[in-house]
N, C-alpha and C. Protein backbone atom coordinates (compact mmCIF):
# COMPACT_ATOMS: atom_id res chain seq x y z
N MET A 1 8.64 -9.32 -11.25
CA MET A 1 8.31 -8.23 -10.36
C MET A 1 9.16 -6.98 -10.70
N LYS A 2 10.41 -7.23 -11.07
CA LYS A 2 11.30 -6.13 -11.42
C LYS A 2 10.77 -5.38 -12.65
N THR A 3 10.26 -6.11 -13.62
CA THR A 3 9.72 -5.49 -14.82
C THR A 3 8.51 -4.63 -14.49
N ALA A 4 7.65 -5.13 -13.63
CA ALA A 4 6.47 -4.36 -13.21
C ALA A 4 6.91 -3.08 -12.50
N PHE A 5 7.94 -3.18 -11.66
CA PHE A 5 8.44 -2.00 -10.96
C PHE A 5 9.02 -0.99 -11.95
N ARG A 6 9.72 -1.47 -12.96
CA ARG A 6 10.29 -0.57 -13.97
C ARG A 6 9.19 0.17 -14.72
N ILE A 7 8.12 -0.53 -15.05
CA ILE A 7 7.00 0.09 -15.77
C ILE A 7 6.31 1.13 -14.88
N ILE A 8 6.02 0.75 -13.64
CA ILE A 8 5.38 1.67 -12.69
C ILE A 8 6.29 2.87 -12.44
N SER A 9 7.59 2.62 -12.31
CA SER A 9 8.55 3.69 -12.10
C SER A 9 8.52 4.69 -13.25
N PHE A 10 8.51 4.19 -14.46
CA PHE A 10 8.46 5.06 -15.64
C PHE A 10 7.17 5.86 -15.67
N LEU A 11 6.04 5.19 -15.48
CA LEU A 11 4.74 5.86 -15.53
C LEU A 11 4.60 6.89 -14.41
N GLU A 12 5.12 6.57 -13.23
CA GLU A 12 5.06 7.50 -12.11
C GLU A 12 5.89 8.74 -12.42
N GLY A 13 7.06 8.54 -12.99
CA GLY A 13 7.92 9.66 -13.36
C GLY A 13 7.28 10.55 -14.41
N VAL A 14 6.69 9.96 -15.42
CA VAL A 14 6.03 10.73 -16.48
C VAL A 14 4.82 11.48 -15.91
N SER A 15 4.02 10.81 -15.11
CA SER A 15 2.84 11.48 -14.54
C SER A 15 3.24 12.64 -13.63
N TYR A 16 4.33 12.48 -12.89
CA TYR A 16 4.82 13.54 -12.01
C TYR A 16 5.29 14.75 -12.83
N LEU A 17 6.02 14.48 -13.90
CA LEU A 17 6.49 15.57 -14.75
C LEU A 17 5.33 16.30 -15.42
N LEU A 18 4.35 15.56 -15.90
CA LEU A 18 3.17 16.19 -16.51
C LEU A 18 2.42 17.04 -15.50
N LEU A 19 2.27 16.51 -14.29
CA LEU A 19 1.57 17.25 -13.24
C LEU A 19 2.35 18.51 -12.86
N LEU A 20 3.64 18.36 -12.70
CA LEU A 20 4.47 19.46 -12.22
C LEU A 20 4.71 20.54 -13.26
N PHE A 21 4.99 20.14 -14.49
CA PHE A 21 5.40 21.11 -15.50
C PHE A 21 4.33 21.51 -16.51
N ILE A 22 3.21 20.81 -16.52
CA ILE A 22 2.14 21.17 -17.44
C ILE A 22 0.86 21.53 -16.69
N ALA A 23 0.37 20.61 -15.88
CA ALA A 23 -0.92 20.82 -15.22
C ALA A 23 -0.89 21.96 -14.20
N THR A 24 0.14 22.01 -13.38
CA THR A 24 0.21 23.04 -12.35
C THR A 24 0.37 24.45 -12.94
N PRO A 25 1.26 24.66 -13.92
CA PRO A 25 1.31 26.00 -14.53
C PRO A 25 -0.02 26.41 -15.18
N ILE A 26 -0.69 25.47 -15.83
CA ILE A 26 -1.99 25.79 -16.43
C ILE A 26 -2.98 26.20 -15.34
N LYS A 27 -2.92 25.52 -14.21
CA LYS A 27 -3.83 25.84 -13.11
C LYS A 27 -3.59 27.27 -12.62
N TYR A 28 -2.34 27.63 -12.43
CA TYR A 28 -2.06 28.95 -11.85
C TYR A 28 -2.00 30.08 -12.88
N ILE A 29 -1.69 29.80 -14.12
CA ILE A 29 -1.64 30.85 -15.14
C ILE A 29 -3.01 31.10 -15.75
N GLN A 30 -3.70 30.01 -16.09
CA GLN A 30 -5.00 30.15 -16.75
C GLN A 30 -6.19 29.96 -15.80
N GLY A 31 -5.91 29.48 -14.60
CA GLY A 31 -7.01 29.25 -13.65
C GLY A 31 -7.83 28.02 -13.97
N ASN A 32 -7.29 27.11 -14.76
CA ASN A 32 -8.00 25.90 -15.17
C ASN A 32 -7.47 24.71 -14.38
N GLU A 33 -8.28 24.20 -13.47
CA GLU A 33 -7.87 23.08 -12.62
C GLU A 33 -8.12 21.71 -13.24
N ALA A 34 -8.66 21.65 -14.42
CA ALA A 34 -9.06 20.38 -15.03
C ALA A 34 -7.89 19.41 -15.18
N TYR A 35 -6.74 19.92 -15.60
CA TYR A 35 -5.59 19.03 -15.83
C TYR A 35 -5.03 18.48 -14.52
N VAL A 36 -5.05 19.30 -13.49
CA VAL A 36 -4.58 18.83 -12.18
C VAL A 36 -5.51 17.74 -11.66
N LYS A 37 -6.80 17.95 -11.81
CA LYS A 37 -7.76 16.94 -11.38
C LYS A 37 -7.64 15.66 -12.20
N MET A 38 -7.38 15.82 -13.50
CA MET A 38 -7.28 14.67 -14.39
C MET A 38 -6.01 13.85 -14.12
N LEU A 39 -4.90 14.51 -13.83
CA LEU A 39 -3.62 13.82 -13.63
C LEU A 39 -3.33 13.48 -12.17
N GLY A 40 -3.99 14.15 -11.25
CA GLY A 40 -3.69 13.97 -9.83
C GLY A 40 -3.94 12.57 -9.30
N MET A 41 -5.10 12.04 -9.57
CA MET A 41 -5.46 10.71 -9.05
C MET A 41 -4.58 9.61 -9.65
N PRO A 42 -4.41 9.55 -10.98
CA PRO A 42 -3.51 8.52 -11.52
C PRO A 42 -2.09 8.63 -10.96
N HIS A 43 -1.60 9.85 -10.82
CA HIS A 43 -0.26 10.02 -10.26
C HIS A 43 -0.20 9.51 -8.82
N GLY A 44 -1.21 9.80 -8.04
CA GLY A 44 -1.25 9.32 -6.66
C GLY A 44 -1.24 7.81 -6.56
N ILE A 45 -2.01 7.17 -7.42
CA ILE A 45 -2.05 5.71 -7.44
C ILE A 45 -0.70 5.14 -7.87
N LEU A 46 -0.10 5.72 -8.91
CA LEU A 46 1.21 5.27 -9.36
C LEU A 46 2.28 5.49 -8.30
N PHE A 47 2.19 6.59 -7.57
CA PHE A 47 3.14 6.87 -6.50
C PHE A 47 3.05 5.80 -5.40
N MET A 48 1.82 5.47 -5.00
CA MET A 48 1.65 4.44 -3.97
C MET A 48 2.13 3.08 -4.46
N LEU A 49 1.85 2.74 -5.72
CA LEU A 49 2.34 1.48 -6.28
C LEU A 49 3.86 1.45 -6.31
N TYR A 50 4.47 2.56 -6.64
CA TYR A 50 5.93 2.66 -6.67
C TYR A 50 6.50 2.35 -5.28
N ILE A 51 5.94 2.96 -4.25
CA ILE A 51 6.42 2.76 -2.89
C ILE A 51 6.23 1.31 -2.46
N VAL A 52 5.05 0.76 -2.71
CA VAL A 52 4.75 -0.62 -2.30
C VAL A 52 5.67 -1.60 -3.03
N LEU A 53 5.84 -1.42 -4.33
CA LEU A 53 6.70 -2.33 -5.09
C LEU A 53 8.16 -2.19 -4.67
N ALA A 54 8.59 -1.00 -4.32
CA ALA A 54 9.96 -0.82 -3.83
C ALA A 54 10.16 -1.60 -2.54
N ILE A 55 9.17 -1.56 -1.66
CA ILE A 55 9.25 -2.30 -0.39
C ILE A 55 9.29 -3.81 -0.66
N VAL A 56 8.45 -4.26 -1.58
CA VAL A 56 8.41 -5.68 -1.91
C VAL A 56 9.72 -6.15 -2.55
N LEU A 57 10.29 -5.32 -3.40
CA LEU A 57 11.51 -5.69 -4.13
C LEU A 57 12.79 -5.53 -3.31
N ARG A 58 12.72 -4.88 -2.19
CA ARG A 58 13.93 -4.59 -1.42
C ARG A 58 14.77 -5.84 -1.14
N LYS A 59 14.12 -6.89 -0.67
CA LYS A 59 14.85 -8.13 -0.37
C LYS A 59 15.35 -8.81 -1.63
N GLU A 60 14.48 -8.88 -2.63
CA GLU A 60 14.84 -9.56 -3.87
C GLU A 60 16.04 -8.91 -4.56
N MET A 61 16.08 -7.58 -4.54
CA MET A 61 17.16 -6.85 -5.20
C MET A 61 18.36 -6.62 -4.27
N LYS A 62 18.22 -7.00 -3.02
CA LYS A 62 19.29 -6.87 -2.02
C LYS A 62 19.79 -5.43 -1.89
N TRP A 63 18.82 -4.50 -1.77
CA TRP A 63 19.17 -3.10 -1.58
C TRP A 63 19.50 -2.85 -0.12
N ASP A 64 20.61 -2.19 0.15
CA ASP A 64 20.93 -1.82 1.53
C ASP A 64 20.06 -0.61 1.92
N SER A 65 20.17 -0.20 3.17
CA SER A 65 19.32 0.89 3.68
C SER A 65 19.54 2.19 2.92
N LYS A 66 20.79 2.50 2.61
CA LYS A 66 21.08 3.74 1.89
C LYS A 66 20.45 3.72 0.50
N SER A 67 20.65 2.64 -0.24
CA SER A 67 20.08 2.53 -1.58
C SER A 67 18.56 2.59 -1.53
N PHE A 68 17.97 1.89 -0.57
CA PHE A 68 16.52 1.86 -0.44
C PHE A 68 15.97 3.26 -0.14
N THR A 69 16.65 3.98 0.71
CA THR A 69 16.22 5.35 1.04
C THR A 69 16.31 6.24 -0.19
N ILE A 70 17.37 6.11 -0.96
CA ILE A 70 17.52 6.89 -2.19
C ILE A 70 16.39 6.55 -3.17
N ILE A 71 16.09 5.28 -3.30
CA ILE A 71 15.03 4.84 -4.21
C ILE A 71 13.68 5.42 -3.80
N LEU A 72 13.41 5.44 -2.51
CA LEU A 72 12.15 6.01 -2.04
C LEU A 72 12.12 7.53 -2.24
N LEU A 73 13.21 8.20 -1.94
CA LEU A 73 13.26 9.66 -2.10
C LEU A 73 13.16 10.09 -3.56
N CYS A 74 13.63 9.26 -4.45
CA CYS A 74 13.57 9.59 -5.88
C CYS A 74 12.14 9.69 -6.39
N ALA A 75 11.20 9.14 -5.66
CA ALA A 75 9.79 9.24 -6.07
C ALA A 75 9.27 10.66 -5.93
N ILE A 76 9.92 11.50 -5.12
CA ILE A 76 9.43 12.87 -4.93
C ILE A 76 10.31 13.91 -5.60
N ILE A 77 11.36 13.46 -6.27
CA ILE A 77 12.25 14.37 -6.98
C ILE A 77 11.96 14.26 -8.48
N PRO A 78 11.75 15.39 -9.16
CA PRO A 78 11.51 15.30 -10.61
C PRO A 78 12.67 14.57 -11.31
N PHE A 79 12.33 13.69 -12.19
CA PHE A 79 13.27 12.84 -12.95
C PHE A 79 13.93 11.78 -12.07
N GLY A 80 13.57 11.69 -10.81
CA GLY A 80 14.19 10.74 -9.89
C GLY A 80 13.95 9.29 -10.24
N THR A 81 12.75 8.98 -10.68
CA THR A 81 12.45 7.58 -11.01
C THR A 81 13.24 7.10 -12.22
N PHE A 82 13.59 8.02 -13.10
CA PHE A 82 14.41 7.65 -14.26
C PHE A 82 15.84 7.33 -13.81
N TYR A 83 16.31 8.06 -12.81
CA TYR A 83 17.62 7.78 -12.22
C TYR A 83 17.62 6.39 -11.56
N VAL A 84 16.55 6.07 -10.84
CA VAL A 84 16.43 4.75 -10.19
C VAL A 84 16.48 3.65 -11.24
N ASP A 85 15.77 3.84 -12.32
CA ASP A 85 15.76 2.83 -13.37
C ASP A 85 17.17 2.60 -13.92
N LYS A 86 17.87 3.67 -14.17
CA LYS A 86 19.20 3.55 -14.77
C LYS A 86 20.22 2.98 -13.77
N LYS A 87 20.18 3.44 -12.54
CA LYS A 87 21.21 3.05 -11.58
C LYS A 87 20.93 1.73 -10.86
N TYR A 88 19.66 1.47 -10.50
CA TYR A 88 19.37 0.33 -9.64
C TYR A 88 18.61 -0.80 -10.32
N LEU A 89 18.02 -0.57 -11.46
CA LEU A 89 17.16 -1.60 -12.05
C LEU A 89 17.71 -2.23 -13.33
N ARG A 90 18.76 -1.70 -13.89
CA ARG A 90 19.31 -2.29 -15.12
C ARG A 90 20.46 -3.20 -14.82
């Protein structure tokens, strides 16, 4: 389960960065919404999987409330999921 969470965490982080730093600027600079539409749904699904897997893994990994809150908040901070992988999953 931990390996699955690490993979989802990585993919969620990459999709968030692509959405934030590539798709959104293209949308507002060029007026082309195609990339946001293309990346938005996969990112949303990965985000939900990240949250669900974090909840499932909480007991197994013995995360206290503070650590668990940080792990959840890292899903909305750019590069946050990479921090979670390095600090809590290795």
